[in-house]
N, C-alpha and C. Protein backbone atom coordinates (compact mmCIF):
# COMPACT_ATOMS: atom_id res chain seq x y z
N MET A 1 5.40 20.36 -9.61
CA MET A 1 6.50 20.33 -9.64
C MET A 1 7.14 19.49 -8.70
N ILE A 2 7.57 18.46 -8.43
CA ILE A 2 8.12 17.73 -7.48
C ILE A 2 9.69 18.91 -7.22
N THR A 3 10.10 19.38 -6.42
CA THR A 3 11.02 19.87 -6.18
C THR A 3 11.82 19.28 -4.44
N ARG A 4 10.71 19.03 -3.78
CA ARG A 4 10.88 18.41 -2.35
C ARG A 4 10.18 17.15 -1.93
N ILE A 5 10.90 15.94 -1.48
CA ILE A 5 10.24 14.58 -1.12
C ILE A 5 8.92 14.92 -0.72
N ASN A 6 8.43 16.08 0.16
CA ASN A 6 7.29 15.95 0.71
C ASN A 6 6.00 16.08 -0.50
N GLU A 7 6.36 17.02 -1.66
CA GLU A 7 5.45 17.20 -2.55
C GLU A 7 4.98 15.89 -3.37
N ILE A 8 5.63 15.06 -2.86
CA ILE A 8 5.18 13.53 -3.95
C ILE A 8 4.26 13.26 -3.59
N ALA A 9 3.72 13.30 -2.34
CA ALA A 9 2.41 13.13 -1.73
C ALA A 9 0.47 14.14 -2.70
N GLY A 10 1.51 15.24 -2.88
CA GLY A 10 0.80 16.39 -3.57
C GLY A 10 0.62 15.20 -5.26
N PHE A 11 1.94 15.13 -5.65
CA PHE A 11 1.53 14.56 -6.95
C PHE A 11 0.50 13.24 -7.20
N LEU A 12 1.03 12.37 -6.05
CA LEU A 12 -0.13 11.32 -6.08
C LEU A 12 -1.28 11.60 -5.33
N TYR A 13 -1.73 12.42 -5.35
CA TYR A 13 -3.07 13.15 -4.77
C TYR A 13 -3.61 13.23 -6.37
N ASP A 14 -2.89 14.12 -7.10
CA ASP A 14 -3.23 14.49 -8.39
C ASP A 14 -2.82 14.01 -9.41
N PHE A 15 -2.47 12.88 -9.19
CA PHE A 15 -1.84 11.96 -10.34
C PHE A 15 -3.01 11.88 -11.64
N GLU A 16 -4.04 11.95 -11.09
CA GLU A 16 -5.40 11.57 -12.68
C GLU A 16 -4.93 13.20 -13.58
N ARG A 17 -4.50 14.69 -13.04
CA ARG A 17 -4.39 15.28 -13.95
C ARG A 17 -2.96 15.36 -14.40
N TYR A 18 -1.87 14.17 -14.29
CA TYR A 18 -0.95 14.32 -15.44
C TYR A 18 -0.91 13.20 -15.95
N ALA A 19 -2.00 11.56 -15.72
CA ALA A 19 -2.12 10.51 -15.84
C ALA A 19 -3.06 10.34 -17.43
N GLN A 20 -2.72 9.33 -18.68
CA GLN A 20 -3.57 9.34 -19.07
C GLN A 20 -4.54 8.27 -18.80
N LEU A 21 -5.66 8.22 -18.98
CA LEU A 21 -6.58 7.42 -18.90
C LEU A 21 -6.92 6.32 -19.88
N ASP A 22 -7.21 4.56 -19.68
CA ASP A 22 -7.34 3.47 -20.46
C ASP A 22 -8.74 2.96 -20.47
N GLY A 23 -9.69 3.93 -19.57
CA GLY A 23 -10.80 2.96 -19.78
C GLY A 23 -11.53 2.85 -18.16
N THR A 24 -10.37 2.10 -17.71
CA THR A 24 -10.56 1.29 -16.35
C THR A 24 -9.45 2.14 -15.44
N LYS A 25 -8.46 2.92 -15.77
CA LYS A 25 -7.29 2.50 -14.81
C LYS A 25 -6.57 4.15 -15.37
N TYR A 26 -5.84 5.20 -14.66
CA TYR A 26 -4.69 5.61 -14.81
C TYR A 26 -3.43 5.79 -14.88
N PHE A 27 -2.78 5.96 -16.00
CA PHE A 27 -1.40 5.44 -16.18
C PHE A 27 -0.31 6.33 -16.61
N PHE A 28 0.75 6.46 -16.13
CA PHE A 28 1.84 7.53 -16.66
C PHE A 28 2.90 6.53 -16.84
N THR A 29 3.78 6.61 -17.69
CA THR A 29 4.86 5.83 -18.10
C THR A 29 5.98 6.88 -18.12
N LEU A 30 6.80 6.10 -17.62
CA LEU A 30 8.57 6.71 -17.35
C LEU A 30 9.48 5.70 -18.37
N ASN A 31 10.05 6.40 -19.02
CA ASN A 31 11.60 5.57 -19.80
C ASN A 31 12.69 5.36 -18.96
N THR A 32 12.91 4.17 -19.22
CA THR A 32 14.28 4.28 -18.13
C THR A 32 15.34 3.74 -18.71
N VAL A 33 16.70 4.09 -18.50
CA VAL A 33 17.66 4.29 -18.95
C VAL A 33 18.04 3.06 -18.65
N SER A 34 18.55 2.62 -17.82
CA SER A 34 19.72 0.92 -17.38
C SER A 34 18.65 0.71 -16.27
N PRO A 35 17.95 -1.08 -16.98
CA PRO A 35 17.99 -1.14 -18.66
C PRO A 35 16.86 -0.20 -19.43
N ASN A 36 17.13 -0.13 -20.69
CA ASN A 36 16.69 0.50 -21.39
C ASN A 36 15.50 0.32 -21.79
N GLY A 37 14.03 0.78 -21.65
CA GLY A 37 12.85 0.48 -21.17
C GLY A 37 11.89 1.37 -20.67
N THR A 38 10.52 0.68 -20.68
CA THR A 38 9.43 1.37 -19.85
C THR A 38 9.08 1.07 -18.19
N LEU A 39 8.37 2.41 -17.27
CA LEU A 39 8.10 1.45 -15.90
C LEU A 39 6.97 2.53 -16.19
N THR A 40 5.91 1.68 -16.04
CA THR A 40 4.45 2.60 -16.03
C THR A 40 3.90 2.23 -14.33
N ILE A 41 3.37 3.32 -14.01
CA ILE A 41 2.78 3.51 -12.65
C ILE A 41 1.04 3.58 -13.44
N MET A 42 0.50 3.35 -12.61
CA MET A 42 -1.21 2.66 -12.71
C MET A 42 -1.66 3.17 -11.24
N LYS A 43 -3.12 3.91 -11.56
CA LYS A 43 -3.73 4.15 -10.21
C LYS A 43 -5.11 3.58 -10.60
N TYR A 44 -5.89 3.05 -9.51
CA TYR A 44 -7.04 2.65 -10.09
C TYR A 44 -8.11 3.65 -9.18
N PRO A 45 -9.30 3.41 -9.49
CA PRO A 45 -10.47 4.38 -9.10
C PRO A 45 -10.96 4.12 -7.63
N GLU A 46 -10.35 3.01 -6.91
CA GLU A 46 -10.24 2.48 -5.64
C GLU A 46 -9.26 3.59 -5.12
N GLY A 47 -7.68 3.57 -5.76
CA GLY A 47 -6.63 4.66 -5.13
C GLY A 47 -5.78 3.54 -4.74
N HIS A 48 -5.55 2.36 -5.58
CA HIS A 48 -4.67 1.44 -5.31
C HIS A 48 -3.69 1.99 -6.37
N PHE A 49 -2.51 1.50 -6.21
CA PHE A 49 -1.51 1.83 -7.47
C PHE A 49 -1.14 0.80 -8.06
N THR A 50 -0.38 0.38 -8.81
CA THR A 50 0.62 -0.82 -9.33
C THR A 50 1.38 -0.57 -10.26
N TYR A 51 2.36 -1.51 -10.93
CA TYR A 51 3.88 -0.77 -11.44
C TYR A 51 3.57 -2.10 -12.73
N HIS A 52 4.33 -1.90 -13.60
CA HIS A 52 4.61 -2.96 -14.85
C HIS A 52 6.02 -2.28 -15.52
N ARG A 53 7.19 -3.35 -15.43
CA ARG A 53 8.02 -2.70 -15.97
C ARG A 53 8.06 -3.29 -17.23
N LYS A 54 8.69 -3.29 -18.67
CA LYS A 54 8.98 -4.08 -20.12
C LYS A 54 10.36 -3.26 -20.09
N ASN A 55 11.13 -4.10 -20.54
CA ASN A 55 12.83 -3.49 -20.80
C ASN A 55 13.68 -4.39 -21.25
N GLU A 56 14.69 -4.28 -21.87
CA GLU A 56 15.79 -5.26 -22.81
C GLU A 56 15.98 -6.02 -21.97
N ASN A 57 15.61 -6.35 -20.67
CA ASN A 57 16.33 -7.68 -20.12
C ASN A 57 15.09 -8.43 -19.49
N TYR A 58 13.91 -8.07 -19.38
CA TYR A 58 12.60 -8.50 -18.90
C TYR A 58 11.73 -7.51 -19.33
N TRP A 59 10.27 -8.52 -18.70
CA TRP A 59 8.98 -7.70 -18.63
C TRP A 59 8.24 -8.60 -18.14
N ASP A 60 6.93 -7.51 -16.95
CA ASP A 60 6.66 -8.25 -15.94
C ASP A 60 5.18 -9.22 -16.85
N ILE A 61 5.14 -10.02 -16.26
CA ILE A 61 4.30 -10.56 -17.02
C ILE A 61 2.27 -10.05 -16.67
N LYS A 62 2.18 -9.40 -15.33
CA LYS A 62 1.13 -8.59 -15.04
C LYS A 62 1.77 -7.54 -13.80
N GLU A 63 0.93 -6.72 -13.95
CA GLU A 63 1.13 -5.19 -12.78
C GLU A 63 1.16 -5.88 -11.58
N ILE A 64 2.18 -4.99 -11.12
CA ILE A 64 2.97 -5.64 -9.55
C ILE A 64 2.01 -4.75 -8.69
N PRO A 65 0.87 -4.92 -7.57
CA PRO A 65 0.84 -3.68 -6.37
C PRO A 65 2.57 -3.25 -5.88
N ILE A 66 1.85 -2.17 -5.58
CA ILE A 66 3.23 -1.18 -5.11
C ILE A 66 2.79 0.02 -3.69
N GLU A 67 3.65 -0.37 -2.39
CA GLU A 67 3.62 0.59 -1.61
C GLU A 67 3.90 1.94 -1.65
N GLN A 68 3.07 2.32 -0.49
CA GLN A 68 3.10 3.65 -0.70
C GLN A 68 4.87 4.54 -0.41
N ASP A 69 5.86 3.79 0.30
CA ASP A 69 7.11 4.26 0.51
C ASP A 69 7.77 3.67 -0.86
N MET A 70 7.62 2.60 -1.33
CA MET A 70 8.19 2.55 -2.74
C MET A 70 8.19 3.02 -3.87
N LEU A 71 6.73 3.76 -3.87
CA LEU A 71 5.90 4.16 -4.98
C LEU A 71 6.99 5.38 -4.72
N SER A 72 6.72 5.72 -3.24
CA SER A 72 7.38 7.71 -3.28
C SER A 72 8.83 7.46 -3.73
N GLU A 73 9.80 6.50 -3.27
CA GLU A 73 11.20 6.75 -4.16
C GLU A 73 11.19 6.45 -5.61
N ILE A 74 10.60 6.05 -6.00
CA ILE A 74 10.17 5.94 -7.36
C ILE A 74 9.92 6.94 -8.08
N ILE A 75 8.86 7.78 -7.42
CA ILE A 75 8.37 9.29 -7.78
C ILE A 75 9.62 10.12 -7.94
N TRP A 76 10.33 9.77 -6.25
CA TRP A 76 11.68 11.09 -5.93
C TRP A 76 12.46 10.53 -7.40
N GLY A 77 12.90 9.23 -7.47
CA GLY A 77 14.09 9.19 -8.60
C GLY A 77 13.79 9.51 -9.71
N PHE A 78 12.70 9.83 -10.56
CA PHE A 78 12.38 9.66 -11.66
C PHE A 78 11.92 11.40 -11.91
N ARG A 79 12.31 12.29 -10.26
CA ARG A 79 11.44 13.40 -10.16
C ARG A 79 11.64 14.51 -11.85
N LYS A 80 12.63 14.34 -12.40
CA LYS A 80 13.51 15.61 -13.51
C LYS A 80 12.36 14.84 -14.59
N THR A 81 12.31 13.47 -14.62
CA THR A 81 11.25 13.23 -15.66
C THR A 81 9.96 14.14 -15.92
N ILE A 82 9.51 13.70 -14.46
CA ILE A 82 8.13 13.81 -14.36
C ILE A 82 8.04 15.74 -14.27
N ASN A 83 8.96 16.54 -13.68
CA ASN A 83 8.94 17.80 -13.92
C ASN A 83 8.62 17.84 -15.45
N GLU A 84 9.27 17.44 -16.16
CA GLU A 84 9.49 18.10 -17.45
C GLU A 84 8.12 17.89 -18.16
N MET A 85 7.89 16.54 -18.17
CA MET A 85 6.19 15.81 -17.98
C MET A 85 5.24 16.95 -18.14
N ILE A 86 5.40 17.24 -16.72
CA ILE A 86 4.34 18.52 -16.52
C ILE A 86 4.43 19.33 -16.58
N LEU A 87 5.91 19.83 -16.51
CA LEU A 87 6.04 21.48 -17.92
C LEU A 87 5.29 21.41 -19.53
N GLU A 88 5.61 20.00 -20.11
CA GLU A 88 5.21 19.93 -21.44
C GLU A 88 3.70 20.25 -20.91
N SER A 89 3.01 19.53 -20.39
CA SER A 89 1.82 19.53 -20.75
C SER A 89 1.06 20.83 -19.56
N SER A 90 1.78 21.64 -18.87
CA SER A 90 1.17 22.95 -18.80
C SER A 90 1.20 23.80 -19.65
N ILE A 91 1.98 23.84 -20.51
CA ILE A 91 2.35 25.00 -21.87
C ILE A 91 1.83 24.30 -22.97
N ALA A 92 1.06 23.14 -23.11
CA ALA A 92 0.01 22.55 -23.78
C ALA A 92 -1.35 23.40 -23.84
N LEU A 93 -1.32 23.34 -22.41
CA LEU A 93 -2.82 23.86 -21.91
C LEU A 93 -3.14 25.27 -22.86
C-alpha cells in the first residue's frame, strides 16, 4: 500500500509482484479519466522504466523512457487506484 510518498520506492522495487509479464517486460496498466484512456508503465529486466499512453485524444507511437522523479509523481497521483489493485490481488491470493 502506498500511503506516504516515501513508500513509492518500495512499490517500484517490488513492481514485478504487482505487474503482469508479457514475456519481455513487466507492465502495469492504469485507467485515466481526463482524457479517457490508459497509461501503461513498463519495467524491463535491466531495471529501466518506460510508459505508454493511449486515450481519446492521442496514442503514443512507442514507449517513452521515464525518469525516476516523473515516475514517482505518476505513482503518487494514481496511488488510490494502485492501492485498490494491490488489495484486489491480495484478496485473490
